[in-house]
C-alpha atoms as a PDB file:
ATOM      1  CA  MET A   1      -0.826  -5.019  -8.250  1.00  0.00           C
ATOM      2  CA  LYS A   2      -1.202  -1.630  -6.599  1.00  0.00           C
ATOM      3  CA  ILE A   3       1.374  -0.989  -3.892  1.00  0.00           C
ATOM      4  CA  ALA A   4       1.256   1.998  -1.543  1.00  0.00           C
ATOM      5  CA  LEU A   5       4.577   3.149  -0.063  1.00  0.00           C
ATOM      6  CA  VAL A   6       4.594   5.306   3.061  1.00  0.00           C
ATOM      7  CA  ALA A   7       7.361   6.180   5.528  1.00  0.00           C
ATOM      8  CA  HIS A   8       7.749   8.361   8.551  1.00  0.00           C
ATOM      9  CA  GLU A   9      10.564  10.867   8.138  1.00  0.00           C
ATOM     10  CA  VAL A  10      13.080   8.868  10.188  1.00  0.00           C
ATOM     11  CA  LYS A  11      12.302   5.736   8.134  1.00  0.00           C
ATOM     12  CA  ALA A  12      12.420   7.321   4.662  1.00  0.00           C
ATOM     13  CA  ALA A  13      16.019   6.276   3.942  1.00  0.00           C
ATOM     14  CA  GLU A  14      15.200   2.717   4.988  1.00  0.00           C
ATOM     15  CA  LEU A  15      12.228   2.629   2.592  1.00  0.00           C
ATOM     16  CA  ILE A  16      14.368   4.011  -0.234  1.00  0.00           C
ATOM     17  CA  ASP A  17      17.010   1.330   0.379  1.00  0.00           C
ATOM     18  CA  PHE A  18      14.294  -1.323   0.365  1.00  0.00           C
ATOM     19  CA  VAL A  19      12.769  -0.132  -2.912  1.00  0.00           C
ATOM     20  CA  VAL A  20      16.228   0.066  -4.502  1.00  0.00           C
ATOM     21  CA  ALA A  21      16.911  -3.528  -3.419  1.00  0.00           C
ATOM     22  CA  TYR A  22      13.654  -4.739  -4.996  1.00  0.00           C
ATOM     23  CA  ARG A  23      13.520  -2.255  -7.876  1.00  0.00           C
ATOM     24  CA  GLU A  24      13.006  -4.950 -10.543  1.00  0.00           C
ATOM     25  CA  LEU A  25       9.986  -6.270  -8.670  1.00  0.00           C
ATOM     26  CA  PHE A  26       8.505  -2.836  -8.011  1.00  0.00           C
ATOM     27  CA  GLU A  27       8.806  -1.740 -11.641  1.00  0.00           C
ATOM     28  CA  ARG A  28       6.253  -4.434 -12.576  1.00  0.00           C
ATOM     29  CA  HIS A  29       3.584  -2.921 -10.316  1.00  0.00           C
ATOM     30  CA  GLU A  30       1.576   0.257  -9.945  1.00  0.00           C
ATOM     31  CA  LEU A  31       3.157   2.326  -7.174  1.00  0.00           C
ATOM     32  CA  TYR A  32       1.650   5.053  -4.994  1.00  0.00           C
ATOM     33  CA  ALA A  33       3.395   7.146  -2.355  1.00  0.00           C
ATOM     34  CA  THR A  34       2.841  10.246  -0.289  1.00  0.00           C
ATOM     35  CA  GLY A  35       4.270  13.505  -1.672  1.00  0.00           C
ATOM     36  CA  THR A  36       7.772  13.750  -0.229  1.00  0.00           C
ATOM     37  CA  THR A  37       8.294   9.992  -0.208  1.00  0.00           C
ATOM     38  CA  ALA A  38       7.242   9.769  -3.876  1.00  0.00           C
ATOM     39  CA  THR A  39       9.687  12.511  -4.834  1.00  0.00           C
ATOM     40  CA  MET A  40      12.597  10.908  -2.989  1.00  0.00           C
ATOM     41  CA  LEU A  41      11.829   7.437  -4.372  1.00  0.00           C
ATOM     42  CA  THR A  42      11.493   8.713  -7.935  1.00  0.00           C
ATOM     43  CA  ASP A  43      14.739  10.691  -7.696  1.00  0.00           C
ATOM     44  CA  VAL A  44      16.704   7.668  -6.488  1.00  0.00           C
ATOM     45  CA  THR A  45      15.044   4.775  -8.337  1.00  0.00           C
ATOM     46  CA  ARG A  46      13.617   6.458 -11.473  1.00  0.00           C
ATOM     47  CA  LEU A  47      10.506   4.313 -10.989  1.00  0.00           C
ATOM     48  CA  SER A  48       7.113   5.629 -12.034  1.00  0.00           C
ATOM     49  CA  ILE A  49       5.343   6.461  -8.775  1.00  0.00           C
ATOM     50  CA  ASN A  50       1.925   8.059  -8.457  1.00  0.00           C
ATOM     51  CA  ARG A  51       2.362  11.000  -6.097  1.00  0.00           C
ATOM     52  CA  MET A  52      -0.570  11.368  -3.717  1.00  0.00           C
ATOM     53  CA  ARG A  53      -1.441  14.828  -2.335  1.00  0.00           C
ATOM     54  CA  PRO A  54      -2.513  15.047   0.444  1.00  0.00           C
ATOM     55  CA  GLY A  55      -0.941  11.633   0.608  1.00  0.00           C
ATOM     56  CA  ASP A  56      -2.191  10.144   3.836  1.00  0.00           C
ATOM     57  CA  GLN A  57      -5.813  10.952   3.069  1.00  0.00           C
ATOM     58  CA  GLN A  58      -5.662   9.722  -0.533  1.00  0.00           C
ATOM     59  CA  ILE A  59      -3.962   6.467   0.392  1.00  0.00           C
ATOM     60  CA  GLY A  60      -6.510   6.009   3.180  1.00  0.00           C
ATOM     61  CA  ALA A  61      -9.324   6.519   0.651  1.00  0.00           C
ATOM     62  CA  MET A  62      -7.772   3.961  -1.696  1.00  0.00           C
ATOM     63  CA  VAL A  63      -7.532   1.473   1.164  1.00  0.00           C
ATOM     64  CA  ALA A  64     -11.143   2.147   2.201  1.00  0.00           C
ATOM     65  CA  GLN A  65     -12.228   1.373  -1.374  1.00  0.00           C
ATOM     66  CA  ASN A  66     -10.088  -1.791  -1.441  1.00  0.00           C
ATOM     67  CA  ASP A  67      -8.081  -0.210  -4.260  1.00  0.00           C
ATOM     68  CA  VAL A  68      -4.645  -1.125  -2.844  1.00  0.00           C
ATOM     69  CA  ASP A  69      -3.182  -4.628  -2.839  1.00  0.00           C
ATOM     70  CA  LEU A  70      -0.264  -4.043  -0.476  1.00  0.00           C
ATOM     71  CA  LEU A  71       0.667  -1.288   1.952  1.00  0.00           C
ATOM     72  CA  ILE A  72       4.307  -0.881   2.909  1.00  0.00           C
ATOM     73  CA  PHE A  73       4.368   1.626   5.744  1.00  0.00           C
ATOM     74  CA  PHE A  74       7.728   2.027   7.454  1.00  0.00           C
ATOM     75  CA  ARG A  75       6.653   3.773  10.615  1.00  0.00           C
ATOM     76  CA  ASP A  76       8.552   4.902  13.661  1.00  0.00           C
ATOM     77  CA  PRO A  77       7.099   2.800  16.500  1.00  0.00           C
ATOM     78  CA  LEU A  78       8.986   4.794  19.144  1.00  0.00           C
ATOM     79  CA  ALA A  79       7.821   8.260  18.168  1.00  0.00           C
ATOM     80  CA  SER A  80       4.941   9.956  19.895  1.00  0.00           C
ATOM     81  CA  LEU A  81       3.002  11.264  16.937  1.00  0.00           C
ATOM     82  CA  GLY A  82       0.126  13.709  16.947  1.00  0.00           C
ATOM     83  CA  HIS A  83      -1.547  11.791  14.145  1.00  0.00           C
ATOM     84  CA  GLN A  84      -1.426   8.375  15.828  1.00  0.00           C
ATOM     85  CA  ALA A  85      -5.214   8.096  15.484  1.00  0.00           C
ATOM     86  CA  ASP A  86      -4.864   8.457  11.690  1.00  0.00           C
ATOM     87  CA  ILE A  87      -2.240   5.711  11.595  1.00  0.00           C
ATOM     88  CA  THR A  88      -4.420   3.407  13.664  1.00  0.00           C
ATOM     89  CA  ALA A  89      -7.390   4.135  11.386  1.00  0.00           C
ATOM     90  CA  LEU A  90      -5.330   3.332   8.276  1.00  0.00           C
ATOM     91  CA  LEU A  91      -4.127   0.031   9.726  1.00  0.00           C
ATOM     92  CA  ARG A  92      -7.673  -0.794  10.834  1.00  0.00           C
ATOM     93  CA  LEU A  93      -8.969  -0.155   7.282  1.00  0.00           C
ATOM     94  CA  CYS A  94      -6.330  -2.545   5.953  1.00  0.00           C
ATOM     95  CA  ASP A  95      -7.642  -5.182   8.352  1.00  0.00           C
ATOM     96  CA  VAL A  96     -11.231  -4.546   7.242  1.00  0.00           C
ATOM     97  CA  GLN A  97     -10.285  -4.890   3.557  1.00  0.00           C
ATOM     98  CA  SER A  98      -7.792  -7.751   4.100  1.00  0.00           C
ATOM     99  CA  ILE A  99      -4.965  -5.702   2.624  1.00  0.00           C
ATOM    100  CA  PRO A 100      -1.539  -7.033   3.615  1.00  0.00           C
ATOM    101  CA  VAL A 101       0.554  -4.488   5.531  1.00  0.00           C
ATOM    102  CA  ALA A 102       4.247  -4.306   6.315  1.00  0.00           C
ATOM    103  CA  THR A 103       5.331  -1.834   8.977  1.00  0.00           C
ATOM    104  CA  ASN A 104       9.001  -2.836   8.969  1.00  0.00           C
ATOM    105  CA  MET A 105      11.630  -4.123   6.564  1.00  0.00           C
ATOM    106  CA  ALA A 106      11.468  -7.748   7.723  1.00  0.00           C
ATOM    107  CA  THR A 107       7.744  -8.043   7.052  1.00  0.00           C
ATOM    108  CA  ALA A 108       8.039  -6.050   3.816  1.00  0.00           C
ATOM    109  CA  GLU A 109      10.640  -8.466   2.518  1.00  0.00           C
ATOM    110  CA  ILE A 110       8.428 -11.470   3.237  1.00  0.00           C
ATOM    111  CA  LEU A 111       5.473  -9.812   1.519  1.00  0.00           C
ATOM    112  CA  VAL A 112       7.318  -8.664  -1.616  1.00  0.00           C
ATOM    113  CA  ARG A 113       8.945 -12.073  -2.020  1.00  0.00           C
ATOM    114  CA  SER A 114       5.485 -13.626  -1.688  1.00  0.00           C
ATOM    115  CA  LEU A 115       4.177 -11.176  -4.266  1.00  0.00           C
ATOM    116  CA  ASP A 116       6.987 -12.177  -6.617  1.00  0.00           C
ATOM    117  CA  LEU A 117       6.065 -15.858  -6.204  1.00  0.00           C
ATOM    118  CA  GLY A 118       2.407 -15.222  -7.081  1.00  0.00           C
ATOM    119  CA  TYR A 119       1.025 -15.617  -3.578  1.00  0.00           C
ATOM    120  CA  PHE A 120      -1.022 -12.429  -3.952  1.00  0.00           C
ATOM    121  CA  ASP A 121      -3.173 -13.815  -6.763  1.00  0.00           C
ATOM    122  CA  TRP A 122      -5.976 -14.238  -4.213  1.00  0.00           C
ATOM    123  CA  ARG A 123      -6.358 -10.431  -4.336  1.00  0.00           C
ATOM    124  CA  TYR A 124      -7.636 -10.729  -7.916  1.00  0.00           C
ATOM    125  CA  ALA A 125     -10.179 -13.335  -6.819  1.00  0.00           C
ATOM    126  CA  VAL A 126     -11.368 -11.111  -3.967  1.00  0.00           C
ATOM    127  CA  GLN A 127     -11.706  -8.089  -6.260  1.00  0.00           C
ATOM    128  CA  THR A 128     -13.544 -10.130  -8.906  1.00  0.00           C
ATOM    129  CA  LYS A 129     -15.880 -11.574  -6.271  1.00  0.00           C
ATOM    130  CA  ASP A 130     -16.613  -8.071  -4.933  1.00  0.00           C
ATOM    131  CA  LEU A 131     -17.456  -6.878  -8.463  1.00  0.00           C
ATOM    132  CA  ARG A 132     -19.610  -9.932  -9.163  1.00  0.00           C
ATOM    133  CA  THR A 133     -21.460  -9.560  -5.873  1.00  0.00           C
ATOM    134  CA  GLU A 134     -22.098  -5.865  -6.530  1.00  0.00           C
ATOM    135  CA  THR A 135     -23.365  -6.638 -10.047  1.00  0.00           C
ATOM    136  CA  GLU A 136     -25.625  -9.398  -8.743  1.00  0.00           C
ATOM    137  CA  LEU A 137     -27.065  -7.045  -6.102  1.00  0.00           C
ATOM    138  CA  ARG A 138     -27.779  -4.386  -8.714  1.00  0.00           C
ATOM    139  CA  ALA A 139     -29.433  -6.910 -11.014  1.00  0.00           C
ATOM    140  CA  SER A 140     -31.706  -8.100  -8.231  1.00  0.00           C
ATOM    141  CA  GLY A 141     -32.554  -4.540  -7.150  1.00  0.00           C
ATOM    142  CA  MET A 142     -31.096  -5.085  -3.648  1.00  0.00           C
ATOM    143  CA  GLU A 143     -28.412  -2.368  -3.715  1.00  0.00           C
END
C-alpha cells in the first residue's frame, strides 16, 4: 500500500513518534512524505521514504490520480494558515477518491491497525475495477 505522511510543523514530532511506534508496519509499505517531514522521518526511523518536492502539490497530484491508499496528515486544527484552501482541497480529493485520511493520532492508529489486519484490501479491488473499466471503455471506443 502507498501511504502519504504529512505534518504541520507543530505536529512533526507527533508524527515521528507515531511512525516510530508502528515502524514494523510502515516498513512493509511504500511511504511518501513532504520534503522536511521525509528527512526527519528517515533520520529517526531509517525507513525508505519517497521525498516529494514540492511535497504538498505532488501528494495532491497522487491523491487526484487515486495513487495513494492512505493519507496520514497530522495538522494543526487551531492554527490560522494561509494555505487553508489547499488543505481543504486535499481533503476533498481524498473524499472524491475514497482515500482514508487520518488528521490526528487517534484516527491514524485505528487506520494503521486496520491496515495491518487486512481491512484495506478493498483498495486493491477499487484500483483493479478502475483499470478494468478504463480498459473496457478504450476497447469500446468510448474514452
